[in-house]
N, C-alpha and C. Protein backbone atom coordinates (compact mmCIF):
# COMPACT_ATOMS: atom_id res chain seq x y z
N UNK A 1 7.35 -13.30 10.54
CA UNK A 1 7.07 -11.91 10.96
C UNK A 1 5.82 -12.13 11.84
N UNK A 2 5.79 -11.35 12.93
CA UNK A 2 4.77 -11.31 13.92
C UNK A 2 3.38 -10.89 13.34
N UNK A 3 2.30 -11.64 13.71
CA UNK A 3 0.93 -11.15 13.30
C UNK A 3 0.49 -9.84 13.70
N UNK A 4 -0.33 -9.06 12.89
CA UNK A 4 -0.79 -7.73 13.36
C UNK A 4 -1.61 -7.99 14.70
N UNK A 5 -1.17 -7.23 15.65
CA UNK A 5 -1.91 -7.35 16.96
C UNK A 5 -2.26 -6.08 17.60
N UNK A 6 -3.31 -5.84 18.31
CA UNK A 6 -3.73 -4.69 19.04
C UNK A 6 -3.08 -4.86 20.61
N UNK A 7 -2.13 -4.13 20.95
CA UNK A 7 -1.49 -4.32 22.17
C UNK A 7 -2.44 -3.31 23.00
N UNK A 8 -2.95 -3.94 24.05
CA UNK A 8 -3.70 -3.04 25.02
C UNK A 8 -3.04 -2.90 26.20
N UNK A 9 -2.79 -1.63 26.65
CA UNK A 9 -1.94 -1.15 27.85
C UNK A 9 -2.83 -0.47 28.72
N UNK A 10 -3.33 -1.00 29.79
CA UNK A 10 -4.11 -0.49 30.81
C UNK A 10 -3.98 -0.99 32.11
N UNK A 11 -3.85 -0.15 33.37
CA UNK A 11 -3.68 -0.80 34.54
C UNK A 11 -5.04 -1.18 35.23
N UNK A 12 -6.15 -1.13 34.58
CA UNK A 12 -7.50 -1.49 35.03
C UNK A 12 -7.60 -2.86 34.43
N UNK A 13 -7.59 -3.94 35.18
CA UNK A 13 -7.76 -5.09 34.47
C UNK A 13 -9.13 -5.48 33.90
N UNK A 14 -10.11 -4.94 34.53
CA UNK A 14 -11.45 -5.15 34.02
C UNK A 14 -11.62 -4.45 32.63
N UNK A 15 -10.97 -3.38 32.47
CA UNK A 15 -10.92 -2.59 31.17
C UNK A 15 -10.22 -3.42 30.14
N UNK A 16 -9.14 -4.00 30.63
CA UNK A 16 -8.29 -4.81 29.50
C UNK A 16 -9.04 -5.91 29.28
N UNK A 17 -9.72 -6.66 30.19
CA UNK A 17 -10.40 -7.85 29.85
C UNK A 17 -11.50 -7.65 28.96
N UNK A 18 -12.23 -6.52 29.32
CA UNK A 18 -13.53 -6.19 28.41
C UNK A 18 -13.02 -5.84 27.00
N UNK A 19 -12.01 -5.13 26.71
CA UNK A 19 -11.55 -4.60 25.59
C UNK A 19 -11.01 -5.71 24.74
N UNK A 20 -10.36 -6.67 25.47
CA UNK A 20 -9.78 -7.89 24.60
C UNK A 20 -10.91 -8.88 24.09
N UNK A 21 -11.92 -9.00 25.17
CA UNK A 21 -13.13 -9.68 24.72
C UNK A 21 -13.88 -8.89 23.49
N UNK A 22 -14.07 -7.75 23.56
CA UNK A 22 -14.82 -7.12 22.46
C UNK A 22 -13.95 -7.13 21.16
N UNK A 23 -12.77 -6.86 21.27
CA UNK A 23 -11.93 -7.07 20.04
C UNK A 23 -11.81 -8.40 19.54
N UNK A 24 -11.59 -9.31 20.39
CA UNK A 24 -11.37 -10.78 20.02
C UNK A 24 -12.81 -11.16 19.23
N UNK A 25 -13.84 -10.63 19.77
CA UNK A 25 -15.24 -10.99 19.15
C UNK A 25 -15.29 -10.55 17.68
N UNK A 26 -14.75 -9.34 17.46
CA UNK A 26 -14.71 -8.57 16.15
C UNK A 26 -13.50 -9.19 15.35
N UNK A 27 -12.86 -10.24 15.82
CA UNK A 27 -11.76 -10.74 14.96
C UNK A 27 -10.34 -10.09 15.09
N UNK A 28 -10.20 -9.21 16.00
CA UNK A 28 -8.83 -8.68 16.26
C UNK A 28 -7.98 -9.52 17.14
N UNK A 29 -6.67 -9.75 16.82
CA UNK A 29 -5.80 -10.33 17.79
C UNK A 29 -5.27 -9.34 18.80
N UNK A 30 -5.27 -9.65 20.08
CA UNK A 30 -4.78 -8.77 21.11
C UNK A 30 -3.98 -9.39 22.05
N UNK A 31 -3.05 -8.50 22.68
CA UNK A 31 -2.31 -8.91 23.69
C UNK A 31 -2.22 -7.93 24.83
N UNK A 32 -2.34 -8.10 26.08
CA UNK A 32 -2.64 -7.30 27.19
C UNK A 32 -1.48 -7.02 28.00
N UNK A 33 -1.31 -5.75 28.53
CA UNK A 33 -0.25 -5.44 29.61
C UNK A 33 -0.81 -4.48 30.66
N UNK A 34 -0.50 -4.77 31.85
CA UNK A 34 -0.98 -3.98 32.92
C UNK A 34 -0.37 -2.76 33.36
N UNK A 35 0.88 -2.41 32.54
CA UNK A 35 1.44 -1.28 32.87
C UNK A 35 2.40 -0.87 31.40
N UNK A 36 2.60 0.42 31.48
CA UNK A 36 3.63 0.97 30.50
C UNK A 36 4.95 0.12 30.57
N UNK A 37 5.48 -0.02 31.77
CA UNK A 37 6.77 -0.60 32.14
C UNK A 37 6.78 -2.01 31.47
N UNK A 38 5.52 -2.73 31.61
CA UNK A 38 5.68 -4.22 31.28
C UNK A 38 5.74 -4.24 29.76
N UNK A 39 4.99 -3.20 29.13
CA UNK A 39 4.90 -3.12 27.69
C UNK A 39 6.33 -3.04 27.20
N UNK A 40 6.99 -1.89 27.75
CA UNK A 40 8.40 -1.51 27.21
C UNK A 40 9.36 -2.81 27.37
N UNK A 41 9.22 -3.60 28.54
CA UNK A 41 10.02 -4.66 28.85
C UNK A 41 9.87 -5.75 27.65
N UNK A 42 8.63 -5.90 27.11
CA UNK A 42 8.38 -6.93 26.28
C UNK A 42 8.45 -6.52 24.84
N UNK A 43 8.30 -5.20 24.62
CA UNK A 43 8.35 -4.75 23.16
C UNK A 43 9.46 -5.19 22.27
N UNK A 44 9.06 -5.36 21.04
CA UNK A 44 9.97 -5.83 20.00
C UNK A 44 9.90 -4.90 18.89
N UNK A 45 11.03 -4.51 18.24
CA UNK A 45 10.88 -3.52 17.01
C UNK A 45 9.97 -4.24 15.93
N UNK A 46 10.14 -5.45 15.70
CA UNK A 46 9.27 -5.91 14.61
C UNK A 46 7.72 -6.23 14.73
N UNK A 47 7.26 -5.75 16.04
CA UNK A 47 5.93 -5.99 16.35
C UNK A 47 5.02 -5.20 15.28
N UNK A 48 3.97 -5.70 14.91
CA UNK A 48 3.04 -5.20 13.89
C UNK A 48 1.74 -5.06 14.46
N UNK A 49 0.99 -4.03 14.02
CA UNK A 49 -0.33 -3.75 14.56
C UNK A 49 -0.37 -2.34 15.11
N UNK A 50 -1.04 -2.27 16.56
CA UNK A 50 -1.13 -0.89 17.00
C UNK A 50 -1.28 -1.03 18.43
N UNK A 51 -1.15 0.16 19.09
CA UNK A 51 -1.19 0.35 20.57
C UNK A 51 -2.39 0.95 21.10
N UNK A 52 -3.18 0.32 21.87
CA UNK A 52 -4.31 0.93 22.53
C UNK A 52 -3.94 1.17 24.02
N UNK A 53 -3.75 2.39 24.13
CA UNK A 53 -3.05 3.05 25.30
C UNK A 53 -3.82 3.91 26.33
N UNK A 54 -3.76 3.39 27.43
CA UNK A 54 -4.51 4.26 28.47
C UNK A 54 -3.58 5.35 28.87
N UNK A 55 -4.18 6.63 29.07
CA UNK A 55 -3.49 7.85 29.30
C UNK A 55 -2.92 8.00 30.67
N UNK A 56 -3.68 7.65 31.74
CA UNK A 56 -3.56 7.77 33.11
C UNK A 56 -3.23 6.41 33.73
N UNK A 57 -2.01 6.07 34.16
CA UNK A 57 -1.87 4.70 34.80
C UNK A 57 -0.87 4.94 36.04
N UNK A 58 -1.05 3.89 36.93
CA UNK A 58 -0.05 3.81 37.96
C UNK A 58 1.36 3.67 37.45
N UNK A 59 2.39 4.53 37.89
CA UNK A 59 3.70 4.44 37.29
C UNK A 59 3.69 5.30 36.14
N UNK A 60 4.32 4.87 34.97
CA UNK A 60 4.54 5.57 33.65
C UNK A 60 3.19 5.79 32.94
N UNK A 61 2.95 7.06 32.66
CA UNK A 61 1.68 7.38 31.99
C UNK A 61 1.90 7.06 30.49
N UNK A 62 0.63 7.28 29.71
CA UNK A 62 0.59 6.89 28.30
C UNK A 62 1.52 7.90 27.52
N UNK A 63 1.48 9.15 27.84
CA UNK A 63 2.36 10.11 27.02
C UNK A 63 3.83 9.90 27.25
N UNK A 64 4.19 9.37 28.45
CA UNK A 64 5.54 9.05 28.63
C UNK A 64 5.86 7.68 27.85
N UNK A 65 5.08 6.83 27.87
CA UNK A 65 5.39 5.52 27.08
C UNK A 65 5.42 5.97 25.62
N UNK A 66 4.52 6.80 25.07
CA UNK A 66 4.51 7.23 23.68
C UNK A 66 5.85 7.87 23.26
N UNK A 67 6.44 8.86 24.11
CA UNK A 67 7.74 9.35 23.92
C UNK A 67 8.82 8.33 23.88
N UNK A 68 8.82 7.32 24.86
CA UNK A 68 9.84 6.44 25.01
C UNK A 68 9.86 5.57 23.61
N UNK A 69 8.67 5.02 23.13
CA UNK A 69 8.59 4.23 21.92
C UNK A 69 8.99 5.14 20.79
N UNK A 70 8.66 6.35 20.54
CA UNK A 70 9.15 7.34 19.49
C UNK A 70 10.64 7.30 19.46
N UNK A 71 11.28 7.56 20.72
CA UNK A 71 12.72 7.75 20.77
C UNK A 71 13.43 6.32 20.39
N UNK A 72 12.71 5.16 20.53
CA UNK A 72 13.36 3.74 20.24
C UNK A 72 12.98 3.38 18.86
N UNK A 73 12.22 4.32 18.05
CA UNK A 73 11.98 4.02 16.54
C UNK A 73 10.74 3.12 16.54
N UNK A 74 9.91 3.08 17.41
CA UNK A 74 8.76 2.08 17.17
C UNK A 74 7.89 2.78 16.00
N UNK A 75 7.30 1.86 15.31
CA UNK A 75 6.50 2.00 14.06
C UNK A 75 4.91 1.81 14.59
N UNK A 76 4.79 1.34 15.68
CA UNK A 76 3.36 1.15 16.16
C UNK A 76 2.55 2.36 16.32
N UNK A 77 1.36 2.59 15.49
CA UNK A 77 0.54 3.73 15.71
C UNK A 77 -0.20 3.53 17.01
N UNK A 78 -0.61 4.67 17.58
CA UNK A 78 -1.22 4.63 19.02
C UNK A 78 -2.68 5.22 18.94
N UNK A 79 -3.53 4.39 19.56
CA UNK A 79 -4.87 5.12 19.71
C UNK A 79 -4.87 5.16 21.52
N UNK A 80 -5.13 6.47 21.92
CA UNK A 80 -5.13 6.65 23.42
C UNK A 80 -6.62 6.61 23.83
N UNK A 81 -6.80 6.01 25.01
CA UNK A 81 -8.10 5.90 25.76
C UNK A 81 -7.77 6.73 27.04
N UNK A 82 -8.79 7.49 27.52
CA UNK A 82 -8.57 8.12 28.74
C UNK A 82 -10.08 8.34 29.33
N UNK A 83 -10.01 8.32 30.71
CA UNK A 83 -11.30 8.73 31.35
C UNK A 83 -11.13 10.11 32.00
N UNK A 84 -10.05 10.68 31.88
CA UNK A 84 -9.66 11.90 32.45
C UNK A 84 -9.01 12.88 31.55
N UNK A 85 -9.08 12.67 30.18
CA UNK A 85 -8.38 13.45 29.37
C UNK A 85 -8.71 15.01 29.27
N UNK A 86 -7.88 15.77 28.91
CA UNK A 86 -8.05 17.20 28.62
C UNK A 86 -7.73 17.45 27.12
N UNK A 87 -7.96 18.64 26.74
CA UNK A 87 -7.52 19.13 25.41
C UNK A 87 -6.14 19.17 25.24
N UNK A 88 -5.35 19.80 26.35
CA UNK A 88 -3.84 19.90 26.23
C UNK A 88 -3.13 18.55 26.00
N UNK A 89 -3.77 17.36 26.59
CA UNK A 89 -3.11 16.27 26.59
C UNK A 89 -3.40 15.61 25.29
N UNK A 90 -4.71 15.77 24.81
CA UNK A 90 -5.07 15.28 23.58
C UNK A 90 -4.07 15.82 22.49
N UNK A 91 -4.02 17.18 22.44
CA UNK A 91 -3.08 17.78 21.54
C UNK A 91 -1.72 17.37 21.56
N UNK A 92 -1.10 17.11 22.77
CA UNK A 92 0.22 16.66 22.91
C UNK A 92 0.42 15.18 22.31
N UNK A 93 -0.64 14.43 22.48
CA UNK A 93 -0.64 13.07 22.10
C UNK A 93 -0.82 12.92 20.49
N UNK A 94 -1.67 13.87 20.01
CA UNK A 94 -1.92 13.82 18.51
C UNK A 94 -0.76 14.38 17.89
N UNK A 95 -0.26 15.46 18.40
CA UNK A 95 0.94 16.24 17.78
C UNK A 95 2.21 15.10 17.66
N UNK A 96 2.22 14.33 18.71
CA UNK A 96 3.36 13.45 18.59
C UNK A 96 3.09 12.11 17.79
N UNK A 97 1.94 12.19 17.06
CA UNK A 97 1.67 11.10 16.15
C UNK A 97 0.46 10.14 16.40
N UNK A 98 -0.15 10.38 17.51
CA UNK A 98 -1.30 9.40 17.81
C UNK A 98 -2.30 9.32 16.81
N UNK A 99 -3.01 8.32 16.45
CA UNK A 99 -3.89 8.28 15.56
C UNK A 99 -5.20 8.85 15.98
N UNK A 100 -5.55 8.59 17.37
CA UNK A 100 -6.89 9.16 17.89
C UNK A 100 -6.77 9.32 19.43
N UNK A 101 -7.63 9.92 19.95
CA UNK A 101 -7.59 10.14 21.53
C UNK A 101 -9.06 9.99 21.84
N UNK A 102 -9.50 8.87 22.45
CA UNK A 102 -10.94 8.59 22.74
C UNK A 102 -11.08 8.56 24.29
N UNK A 103 -12.26 9.05 24.46
CA UNK A 103 -12.65 9.09 25.93
C UNK A 103 -13.48 7.98 26.37
N UNK A 104 -13.32 7.65 27.61
CA UNK A 104 -14.23 6.43 28.12
C UNK A 104 -15.42 7.11 28.92
N UNK A 105 -16.57 6.53 28.81
CA UNK A 105 -16.87 5.14 28.31
C UNK A 105 -16.53 5.22 26.79
N UNK A 106 -16.26 4.20 26.31
CA UNK A 106 -15.82 4.00 24.81
C UNK A 106 -16.97 3.68 23.86
N UNK A 107 -16.94 4.67 22.90
CA UNK A 107 -17.93 4.33 21.86
C UNK A 107 -17.35 3.29 20.82
N UNK A 108 -17.91 2.12 20.81
CA UNK A 108 -17.38 0.88 20.11
C UNK A 108 -17.20 1.12 18.77
N UNK A 109 -18.19 1.79 17.97
CA UNK A 109 -17.87 2.04 16.58
C UNK A 109 -16.72 3.09 16.36
N UNK A 110 -16.67 4.00 17.02
CA UNK A 110 -15.64 5.04 17.09
C UNK A 110 -14.12 4.31 17.40
N UNK A 111 -14.25 3.37 18.37
CA UNK A 111 -13.03 2.67 18.50
C UNK A 111 -12.52 1.80 17.31
N UNK A 112 -13.59 1.06 16.75
CA UNK A 112 -13.18 0.15 15.70
C UNK A 112 -12.70 0.87 14.50
N UNK A 113 -13.19 2.13 14.26
CA UNK A 113 -12.81 3.03 13.08
C UNK A 113 -11.35 3.37 13.42
N UNK A 114 -11.05 3.78 14.59
CA UNK A 114 -9.76 4.36 14.81
C UNK A 114 -8.81 3.25 14.80
N UNK A 115 -9.14 2.04 15.32
CA UNK A 115 -8.18 0.91 15.29
C UNK A 115 -8.00 0.45 13.82
N UNK A 116 -9.02 0.54 12.99
CA UNK A 116 -8.86 0.19 11.58
C UNK A 116 -7.91 1.03 10.95
N UNK A 117 -8.04 2.39 11.23
CA UNK A 117 -7.19 3.42 10.56
C UNK A 117 -5.64 3.08 11.10
N UNK A 118 -5.56 2.85 12.49
CA UNK A 118 -4.09 2.63 12.96
C UNK A 118 -3.67 1.34 12.36
N UNK A 119 -4.41 0.41 12.04
CA UNK A 119 -3.78 -0.90 11.45
C UNK A 119 -3.50 -0.56 9.91
N UNK A 120 -4.35 0.28 9.26
CA UNK A 120 -4.09 0.58 7.94
C UNK A 120 -2.65 1.35 7.82
N UNK A 121 -2.41 2.21 8.80
CA UNK A 121 -1.31 3.05 8.82
C UNK A 121 -0.18 2.27 9.14
N UNK A 122 -0.10 1.09 10.05
CA UNK A 122 0.93 0.48 10.29
C UNK A 122 1.35 -0.47 8.98
N UNK A 123 0.30 -0.77 8.27
CA UNK A 123 0.55 -1.81 7.18
C UNK A 123 1.19 -0.95 6.13
N UNK A 124 0.85 0.38 6.03
CA UNK A 124 1.41 1.27 4.88
C UNK A 124 2.92 1.42 5.23
N UNK A 125 3.23 1.47 6.57
CA UNK A 125 4.63 1.63 7.00
C UNK A 125 5.46 0.48 6.71
N UNK A 126 4.79 -0.58 7.01
CA UNK A 126 5.48 -1.98 6.84
C UNK A 126 5.81 -2.07 5.15
N UNK A 127 4.82 -1.82 4.29
CA UNK A 127 5.01 -1.83 2.86
C UNK A 127 6.06 -0.88 2.50
N UNK A 128 6.14 0.30 3.14
CA UNK A 128 7.10 1.30 2.64
C UNK A 128 8.56 0.73 3.12
N UNK A 129 8.62 0.05 4.31
CA UNK A 129 9.87 -0.46 4.74
C UNK A 129 10.37 -1.57 3.71
N UNK A 130 9.39 -2.46 3.31
CA UNK A 130 9.79 -3.65 2.55
C UNK A 130 10.26 -2.98 1.16
N UNK A 131 9.56 -2.02 0.67
CA UNK A 131 9.85 -1.19 -0.64
C UNK A 131 11.38 -0.82 -0.49
N UNK A 132 11.68 0.02 0.65
CA UNK A 132 12.99 0.51 0.64
C UNK A 132 14.06 -0.50 0.77
N UNK A 133 13.62 -1.64 1.61
CA UNK A 133 14.76 -2.66 1.68
C UNK A 133 15.09 -3.32 0.34
N UNK A 134 14.00 -3.52 -0.61
CA UNK A 134 14.10 -4.01 -1.90
C UNK A 134 14.97 -3.18 -2.68
N UNK A 135 14.68 -1.88 -2.69
CA UNK A 135 15.56 -0.92 -3.37
C UNK A 135 16.93 -0.89 -3.05
N UNK A 136 17.15 -1.01 -1.71
CA UNK A 136 18.54 -0.79 -1.15
C UNK A 136 19.24 -2.14 -1.61
N UNK A 137 18.52 -3.23 -1.60
CA UNK A 137 19.28 -4.50 -2.03
C UNK A 137 19.53 -4.51 -3.44
N UNK A 138 18.76 -3.90 -4.29
CA UNK A 138 19.22 -3.69 -5.73
C UNK A 138 20.42 -2.91 -5.89
N UNK A 139 20.54 -1.74 -5.19
CA UNK A 139 21.74 -0.78 -5.13
C UNK A 139 22.94 -1.62 -4.51
N UNK A 140 22.87 -2.40 -3.58
CA UNK A 140 23.89 -3.21 -2.98
C UNK A 140 24.57 -4.17 -4.09
N UNK A 141 23.68 -4.57 -4.93
CA UNK A 141 24.23 -5.72 -5.92
C UNK A 141 25.07 -4.88 -7.12
N UNK A 142 24.97 -3.64 -6.98
CA UNK A 142 25.83 -2.91 -8.21
C UNK A 142 27.28 -2.94 -7.83
N UNK A 143 28.10 -3.04 -8.81
CA UNK A 143 29.51 -3.03 -8.78
C UNK A 143 29.82 -1.52 -8.52
N UNK A 144 31.06 -1.23 -8.14
CA UNK A 144 31.51 0.18 -7.85
C UNK A 144 31.36 1.03 -9.13
N UNK A 145 31.70 0.49 -10.27
CA UNK A 145 31.67 1.20 -11.52
C UNK A 145 30.31 1.54 -11.90
N UNK A 146 29.40 0.56 -11.80
CA UNK A 146 28.04 0.50 -12.04
C UNK A 146 27.34 1.59 -11.10
N UNK A 147 27.65 1.55 -9.90
CA UNK A 147 27.12 2.69 -8.95
C UNK A 147 27.72 4.14 -9.38
N UNK A 148 28.87 4.26 -9.80
CA UNK A 148 29.51 5.45 -10.28
C UNK A 148 28.77 5.90 -11.53
N UNK A 149 28.32 5.07 -12.44
CA UNK A 149 27.53 5.45 -13.58
C UNK A 149 26.18 5.70 -13.22
N UNK A 150 25.47 4.98 -12.43
CA UNK A 150 24.19 5.31 -11.86
C UNK A 150 24.08 6.74 -11.26
N UNK A 151 25.09 7.09 -10.45
CA UNK A 151 25.01 8.42 -9.72
C UNK A 151 25.03 9.40 -11.04
N UNK A 152 25.90 9.35 -11.83
CA UNK A 152 25.95 10.38 -13.09
C UNK A 152 24.66 10.40 -13.87
N UNK A 153 24.15 9.18 -14.09
CA UNK A 153 22.84 9.10 -14.91
C UNK A 153 21.84 9.87 -14.14
N UNK A 154 21.70 9.68 -12.86
CA UNK A 154 20.63 10.20 -12.07
C UNK A 154 20.90 11.86 -11.98
N UNK A 155 22.12 12.12 -12.01
CA UNK A 155 22.49 13.66 -11.94
C UNK A 155 22.25 14.26 -13.36
N UNK A 156 21.81 13.70 -14.34
CA UNK A 156 21.42 14.11 -15.62
C UNK A 156 22.56 14.11 -16.56
N UNK A 157 23.74 13.49 -16.43
CA UNK A 157 24.90 13.56 -17.29
C UNK A 157 24.60 12.55 -18.47
N UNK A 158 25.02 12.97 -19.70
CA UNK A 158 24.94 12.14 -20.95
C UNK A 158 26.09 11.09 -21.00
N UNK A 159 26.08 10.21 -21.61
CA UNK A 159 27.14 9.23 -21.80
C UNK A 159 28.49 9.73 -22.23
N UNK A 160 28.45 10.73 -23.10
CA UNK A 160 29.87 11.07 -23.28
C UNK A 160 30.41 12.06 -22.12
N UNK A 161 29.52 12.65 -21.31
CA UNK A 161 30.08 13.39 -20.07
C UNK A 161 30.57 12.47 -19.08
N UNK A 162 29.75 11.31 -18.97
CA UNK A 162 30.16 10.22 -17.95
C UNK A 162 31.50 9.54 -18.39
N UNK A 163 31.62 9.45 -19.57
CA UNK A 163 32.88 8.71 -20.09
C UNK A 163 34.14 9.56 -19.91
N UNK A 164 33.89 10.87 -20.00
CA UNK A 164 35.06 11.77 -19.71
C UNK A 164 35.35 11.80 -18.31
N UNK A 165 34.34 11.87 -17.43
CA UNK A 165 34.56 11.90 -16.02
C UNK A 165 35.19 10.75 -15.51
N UNK A 166 34.69 9.59 -16.07
CA UNK A 166 35.34 8.32 -15.44
C UNK A 166 36.53 7.76 -16.30
N UNK A 167 36.86 8.47 -17.44
CA UNK A 167 38.04 8.13 -18.26
C UNK A 167 37.82 6.70 -18.76
N UNK A 168 36.61 6.51 -19.31
CA UNK A 168 36.22 5.34 -20.07
C UNK A 168 35.62 5.51 -21.41
N UNK A 169 35.43 4.78 -22.30
CA UNK A 169 34.77 5.03 -23.53
C UNK A 169 33.32 5.13 -23.36
N UNK A 170 32.60 5.87 -24.26
CA UNK A 170 31.18 6.11 -24.29
C UNK A 170 30.50 4.65 -24.47
N UNK A 171 31.19 3.67 -25.15
CA UNK A 171 30.68 2.40 -25.40
C UNK A 171 30.64 1.70 -24.10
N UNK A 172 31.84 1.88 -23.17
CA UNK A 172 31.96 1.26 -22.18
C UNK A 172 30.86 1.65 -21.21
N UNK A 173 30.55 2.99 -21.14
CA UNK A 173 29.39 3.52 -20.40
C UNK A 173 28.17 2.83 -20.62
N UNK A 174 27.94 2.71 -21.82
CA UNK A 174 26.62 1.99 -22.22
C UNK A 174 26.40 0.66 -21.70
N UNK A 175 27.77 -0.15 -21.71
CA UNK A 175 27.63 -1.50 -21.11
C UNK A 175 27.27 -1.40 -19.63
N UNK A 176 28.06 -0.67 -18.94
CA UNK A 176 27.67 -0.53 -17.49
C UNK A 176 26.39 -0.02 -17.13
N UNK A 177 25.96 1.07 -17.94
CA UNK A 177 24.53 1.57 -17.86
C UNK A 177 23.56 0.36 -17.92
N UNK A 178 23.77 -0.35 -18.97
CA UNK A 178 22.72 -1.46 -19.24
C UNK A 178 22.67 -2.37 -18.14
N UNK A 179 23.86 -2.76 -17.68
CA UNK A 179 23.92 -3.72 -16.47
C UNK A 179 23.22 -3.11 -15.22
N UNK A 180 23.63 -1.85 -15.15
CA UNK A 180 22.97 -1.17 -13.91
C UNK A 180 21.59 -1.02 -14.02
N UNK A 181 21.02 -0.68 -15.16
CA UNK A 181 19.47 -0.70 -15.26
C UNK A 181 18.98 -1.94 -15.03
N UNK A 182 19.47 -2.95 -15.55
CA UNK A 182 18.85 -4.26 -15.28
C UNK A 182 18.80 -4.69 -13.88
N UNK A 183 20.01 -4.58 -13.15
CA UNK A 183 20.03 -4.77 -11.70
C UNK A 183 19.05 -4.09 -11.05
N UNK A 184 18.91 -2.83 -11.22
CA UNK A 184 18.06 -1.84 -10.58
C UNK A 184 16.57 -2.14 -11.05
N UNK A 185 16.30 -2.96 -11.99
CA UNK A 185 15.06 -3.16 -12.51
C UNK A 185 14.21 -1.86 -13.00
N UNK A 186 14.94 -1.08 -13.76
CA UNK A 186 14.25 0.16 -14.08
C UNK A 186 14.34 0.14 -15.59
N UNK A 187 13.15 0.44 -16.19
CA UNK A 187 12.86 0.40 -17.50
C UNK A 187 13.28 1.78 -18.35
N UNK A 188 13.46 2.80 -17.51
CA UNK A 188 13.79 4.09 -18.06
C UNK A 188 14.43 4.94 -17.14
N UNK A 189 15.32 5.96 -17.47
CA UNK A 189 15.98 6.78 -16.60
C UNK A 189 15.03 7.52 -15.51
N UNK A 190 13.86 8.05 -16.03
CA UNK A 190 12.96 8.56 -15.00
C UNK A 190 12.68 7.55 -13.85
N UNK A 191 12.39 6.24 -14.25
CA UNK A 191 12.11 5.34 -13.21
C UNK A 191 13.38 5.06 -12.35
N UNK A 192 14.49 5.15 -12.89
CA UNK A 192 15.72 4.84 -12.02
C UNK A 192 15.90 6.18 -11.05
N UNK A 193 15.58 7.22 -11.65
CA UNK A 193 15.69 8.50 -10.70
C UNK A 193 14.61 8.25 -9.50
N UNK A 194 13.43 7.89 -9.88
CA UNK A 194 12.50 7.72 -8.88
C UNK A 194 12.97 6.74 -7.79
N UNK A 195 13.64 5.51 -8.31
CA UNK A 195 13.94 4.71 -7.26
C UNK A 195 15.17 5.10 -6.31
N UNK A 196 16.14 5.74 -6.94
CA UNK A 196 17.16 6.46 -6.12
C UNK A 196 16.68 7.34 -5.06
N UNK A 197 15.64 8.17 -5.55
CA UNK A 197 15.17 9.24 -4.67
C UNK A 197 14.38 8.67 -3.52
N UNK A 198 13.72 7.60 -3.72
CA UNK A 198 13.02 6.61 -2.72
C UNK A 198 14.11 6.03 -1.66
N UNK A 199 15.18 5.74 -2.23
CA UNK A 199 16.16 5.20 -1.24
C UNK A 199 16.86 6.37 -0.53
N UNK A 200 17.06 7.60 -1.13
CA UNK A 200 17.81 8.63 -0.69
C UNK A 200 16.87 9.89 -0.74
N UNK A 201 15.79 10.01 0.02
CA UNK A 201 15.02 11.14 -0.01
C UNK A 201 15.61 12.57 0.13
N UNK A 202 16.76 12.59 0.89
CA UNK A 202 17.40 13.72 1.10
C UNK A 202 18.47 14.18 0.03
């Protein structure tokens, strides 16, 4: 899996260089891009870290890049930088999910704080995705009958009700339920319900 990286997108090479130098000195891993188009061409869905994005650039601007990344399902949190920002643009960026909107010249401590928050947010998203994949993997290992029993247990049915619905004996329901609980790694019905809701929040 790629290392967490701060992706710097700015069409001013001196700004890119100085930001990369500053962030590398503070222990951050960085990668630089001279345009939004160059970033889009290189971007991979599994990239981890955050995006340090200039608002106004030659060609595609930062808000347009943010929208494209959102449409493509990017999980990279964004910290905007601008020398010409206004309240309307900041509101648009933040409403669309940006972590922060910083004006140039950059306050270094404010920048470090915003980047730390963005990296924390990305890490939480990665952990949530791993957790979901793990639960989905458990569900995928269930047999069809075990899944049928699980759905009814989660719906609040008792063993006798499940037996009647599936036309099997209550004892057989108990056997399938025990196997299902073991595969789901659930120690109780409330824990099972929580797992299923995590996998299917709707």
